[in-house]
Amino acid sequence: MISIESLAVFLAILYLLLAVKQNIFCWLAAILSATLYFSVMYSAGLYMEAYLQIFYVGMAVYGWSQWNSAEKPLLVRSWSKTNHLKAIGLILFLTLLSGYLLETYTEAALPFFDALTTWGAVVATYMVAKKLIENWIYWFVVDLISVFLFLNRDLYLTAGLFIVYLIIIVFGYKTWKKSMIENKNGAADSNRQLR
């Protein structure tokens, strides 16, 4: 019998592989994986991670709509330093606030790490939906911390998933970077032809 965690892991890997290829069906795999992971995380006492799964479902719908835009295809692009400073500041502020609330009012396991990975994932997921190249860097940091978080809660399959994620992230970054360069070169070629 396949466990819920095993099926969630399979769908999560499928999501990331499809995202690397910029395949819109990554969002369907994300919805299915997140739905299963809600119960896995809640059972492990990782409440922020559990409720993050609800956010993932909503962001998968949003990501699908962004990538399926009828006006023009969404291209891989980069964020300004100012946007990164704002994003990192927001992650740290929400981590401290949520971690404190979880530590004070719940029996949550590792509340500050749970909060950090959750808010980092919220920002990184938004970045994937907007096809921002730096999402892969944010995900690398979040997933590296998550490996230790899940090992601490005896979620060995999920920790293994996040180790696989770390490897796929490297390829995802390289693939999206290549796409971004090709898009810039294609736009430059088009501009030259118009002159």
Protein backbone atom coordinates (compact mmCIF):
# COMPACT_ATOMS: atom_id res chain seq x y z
CA MET A 1 0.00 0.00 0.00
CA ILE A 2 1.37 3.41 -0.97
CA SER A 3 1.46 5.89 1.91
CA ILE A 4 0.03 9.39 1.62
CA GLU A 5 3.52 10.79 2.15
CA SER A 6 4.94 8.64 -0.69
CA LEU A 7 2.27 9.78 -3.13
CA ALA A 8 2.74 13.40 -2.05
CA VAL A 9 6.50 13.05 -2.61
CA PHE A 10 5.96 11.62 -6.12
CA LEU A 11 3.59 14.45 -7.07
CA ALA A 12 5.93 17.07 -5.58
CA ILE A 13 8.83 15.79 -7.69
CA LEU A 14 6.58 15.76 -10.75
CA TYR A 15 5.60 19.37 -10.00
CA LEU A 16 9.20 20.53 -9.84
CA LEU A 17 10.30 18.65 -12.96
CA LEU A 18 7.39 20.16 -14.92
CA ALA A 19 8.18 23.62 -13.49
CA VAL A 20 11.78 23.31 -14.69
CA LYS A 21 10.41 22.69 -18.20
CA GLN A 22 7.95 25.60 -17.77
CA ASN A 23 5.11 23.13 -18.37
CA ILE A 24 1.78 24.52 -17.12
CA PHE A 25 0.73 21.10 -15.80
CA CYS A 26 3.20 21.61 -12.95
CA TRP A 27 0.39 23.52 -11.24
CA LEU A 28 -1.96 20.52 -11.34
CA ALA A 29 0.71 18.32 -9.74
CA ALA A 30 1.22 21.07 -7.12
CA ILE A 31 -2.48 21.06 -6.21
CA LEU A 32 -2.56 17.30 -5.75
CA SER A 33 0.69 17.18 -3.78
CA ALA A 34 -0.27 20.06 -1.49
CA THR A 35 -3.65 18.50 -0.76
CA LEU A 36 -1.96 15.31 0.45
CA TYR A 37 0.82 17.13 2.30
CA PHE A 38 -1.66 19.09 4.42
CA SER A 39 -2.48 15.97 6.41
CA VAL A 40 1.16 14.77 6.52
CA MET A 41 2.44 18.07 7.95
CA TYR A 42 -0.44 18.54 10.38
CA SER A 43 0.09 15.03 11.76
CA ALA A 44 3.79 15.85 12.29
CA GLY A 45 2.97 18.97 14.34
CA LEU A 46 4.32 21.31 11.66
CA TYR A 47 1.29 23.58 11.64
CA MET A 48 2.76 26.38 9.54
CA GLU A 49 3.90 23.83 6.95
CA ALA A 50 0.41 22.26 7.01
CA TYR A 51 -1.40 25.52 6.38
CA LEU A 52 1.20 26.46 3.79
CA GLN A 53 -0.27 23.63 1.71
CA ILE A 54 -3.57 25.54 1.47
CA PHE A 55 -1.61 28.53 0.20
CA TYR A 56 0.11 26.25 -2.35
CA VAL A 57 -3.25 25.17 -3.74
CA GLY A 58 -4.32 28.81 -4.14
CA MET A 59 -0.98 29.75 -5.69
CA ALA A 60 -1.20 26.80 -8.08
CA VAL A 61 -4.50 28.20 -9.38
CA TYR A 62 -2.89 31.66 -9.60
CA GLY A 63 0.24 30.25 -11.27
CA TRP A 64 -1.87 28.39 -13.83
CA SER A 65 -3.71 31.63 -14.67
CA GLN A 66 -0.44 33.59 -14.93
CA TRP A 67 1.24 31.03 -17.17
CA ASN A 68 -1.91 30.61 -19.27
CA SER A 69 -2.28 34.31 -20.00
CA ALA A 70 -3.99 34.78 -23.38
CA GLU A 71 -2.39 38.19 -23.98
CA LYS A 72 1.22 37.07 -24.24
CA PRO A 73 3.33 34.28 -22.74
CA LEU A 74 5.01 35.03 -19.43
CA LEU A 75 8.78 35.08 -19.92
CA VAL A 76 11.49 34.35 -17.35
CA ARG A 77 12.79 37.59 -15.89
CA SER A 78 14.72 39.00 -12.93
CA TRP A 79 13.79 41.06 -9.87
CA SER A 80 15.47 44.28 -8.71
CA LYS A 81 17.69 44.39 -5.59
CA THR A 82 15.05 46.56 -3.92
CA ASN A 83 12.41 43.88 -4.42
CA HIS A 84 14.75 41.27 -2.92
CA LEU A 85 15.47 43.43 0.13
CA LYS A 86 11.73 43.95 0.65
CA ALA A 87 11.03 40.23 0.22
CA ILE A 88 13.77 39.13 2.61
CA GLY A 89 12.73 41.76 5.17
CA LEU A 90 9.13 40.56 4.94
CA ILE A 91 10.18 36.92 5.36
CA LEU A 92 12.26 37.72 8.45
CA PHE A 93 9.56 39.90 10.04
CA LEU A 94 6.82 37.30 9.48
CA THR A 95 9.14 34.53 10.70
CA LEU A 96 9.80 36.29 13.99
CA LEU A 97 6.13 37.14 14.50
CA SER A 98 4.80 33.70 13.54
CA GLY A 99 7.55 31.86 15.39
CA TYR A 100 6.78 33.80 18.56
CA LEU A 101 3.03 33.16 18.25
CA LEU A 102 3.56 29.45 17.57
CA GLU A 103 6.01 29.10 20.46
CA THR A 104 3.72 30.96 22.86
CA TYR A 105 0.29 29.58 21.93
CA THR A 106 0.80 26.12 20.41
CA GLU A 107 2.72 22.92 20.82
CA ALA A 108 4.30 23.42 17.38
CA ALA A 109 7.57 21.67 16.70
CA LEU A 110 10.51 24.00 15.92
CA PRO A 111 8.28 27.06 15.55
CA PHE A 112 10.87 29.52 14.20
CA PHE A 113 12.26 27.11 11.61
CA ASP A 114 8.71 26.10 10.66
CA ALA A 115 7.82 29.77 10.22
CA LEU A 116 11.01 30.58 8.28
CA THR A 117 10.53 27.79 5.75
CA THR A 118 6.85 28.62 5.43
CA TRP A 119 7.25 32.34 4.74
CA GLY A 120 10.26 31.72 2.50
CA ALA A 121 8.17 29.25 0.52
CA VAL A 122 5.30 31.74 0.24
CA VAL A 123 7.60 34.29 -1.38
CA ALA A 124 9.36 31.71 -3.56
CA THR A 125 6.04 30.30 -4.79
CA TYR A 126 4.88 33.77 -5.79
CA MET A 127 8.17 34.19 -7.65
CA VAL A 128 7.62 30.92 -9.56
CA ALA A 129 4.14 32.09 -10.59
CA LYS A 130 5.70 35.31 -11.93
CA LYS A 131 8.59 33.37 -13.57
CA LEU A 132 11.27 35.23 -11.64
CA ILE A 133 14.65 33.50 -12.08
CA GLU A 134 15.70 34.10 -8.45
CA ASN A 135 12.91 31.81 -7.20
CA TRP A 136 15.41 28.97 -7.54
CA ILE A 137 17.84 30.65 -5.13
CA TYR A 138 15.12 31.28 -2.56
CA TRP A 139 13.97 27.68 -2.93
CA PHE A 140 17.51 26.37 -2.42
CA VAL A 141 17.79 28.14 0.94
CA VAL A 142 14.26 27.17 2.04
CA ASP A 143 14.70 23.54 1.00
CA LEU A 144 18.10 23.18 2.65
CA ILE A 145 16.63 24.32 5.98
CA SER A 146 13.59 22.11 5.37
CA VAL A 147 15.75 18.98 5.11
CA PHE A 148 16.84 19.44 8.72
CA LEU A 149 13.31 20.37 9.82
CA PHE A 150 11.83 17.19 8.35
CA LEU A 151 14.62 14.96 9.65
CA ASN A 152 13.91 16.34 13.11
CA ARG A 153 10.25 15.26 12.77
CA ASP A 154 11.16 11.79 11.38
CA LEU A 155 9.70 12.60 7.97
CA TYR A 156 12.48 10.76 6.16
CA LEU A 157 10.72 10.47 2.79
CA THR A 158 9.99 14.17 2.77
CA ALA A 159 13.55 15.01 3.83
CA GLY A 160 14.72 12.82 0.94
CA LEU A 161 12.35 14.69 -1.37
CA PHE A 162 13.92 17.99 -0.36
CA ILE A 163 17.42 16.62 -0.98
CA VAL A 164 16.26 15.68 -4.48
CA TYR A 165 14.77 19.17 -4.76
CA LEU A 166 18.19 20.69 -4.05
CA ILE A 167 19.60 18.84 -7.04
CA ILE A 168 16.67 19.68 -9.34
CA ILE A 169 16.86 23.33 -8.27
CA VAL A 170 20.36 23.62 -9.75
CA PHE A 171 19.07 22.32 -13.09
CA GLY A 172 15.97 24.50 -12.83
CA TYR A 173 18.05 27.62 -12.38
CA LYS A 174 20.30 26.74 -15.34
CA THR A 175 17.31 25.94 -17.56
CA TRP A 176 15.44 29.14 -16.70
CA LYS A 177 18.64 31.20 -17.07
CA LYS A 178 19.14 29.77 -20.57
CA SER A 179 15.52 30.59 -21.41
CA MET A 180 15.94 34.14 -20.10
CA ILE A 181 19.07 34.67 -22.21
CA GLU A 182 17.37 33.24 -25.30
CA ASN A 183 14.38 35.54 -24.78
CA LYS A 184 16.67 38.57 -24.46
CA ASN A 185 18.66 37.55 -27.55
CA GLY A 186 15.44 36.93 -29.50
CA ALA A 187 14.11 40.37 -28.51
CA ALA A 188 17.41 41.99 -29.51
CA ASP A 189 17.31 40.21 -32.89
CA SER A 190 13.70 41.35 -33.45
CA ASN A 191 14.63 44.95 -32.65
CA ARG A 192 17.53 44.85 -35.11
CA GLN A 193 15.24 43.48 -37.84
CA LEU A 194 12.70 46.25 -37.25
CA ARG A 195 15.29 48.99 -37.86
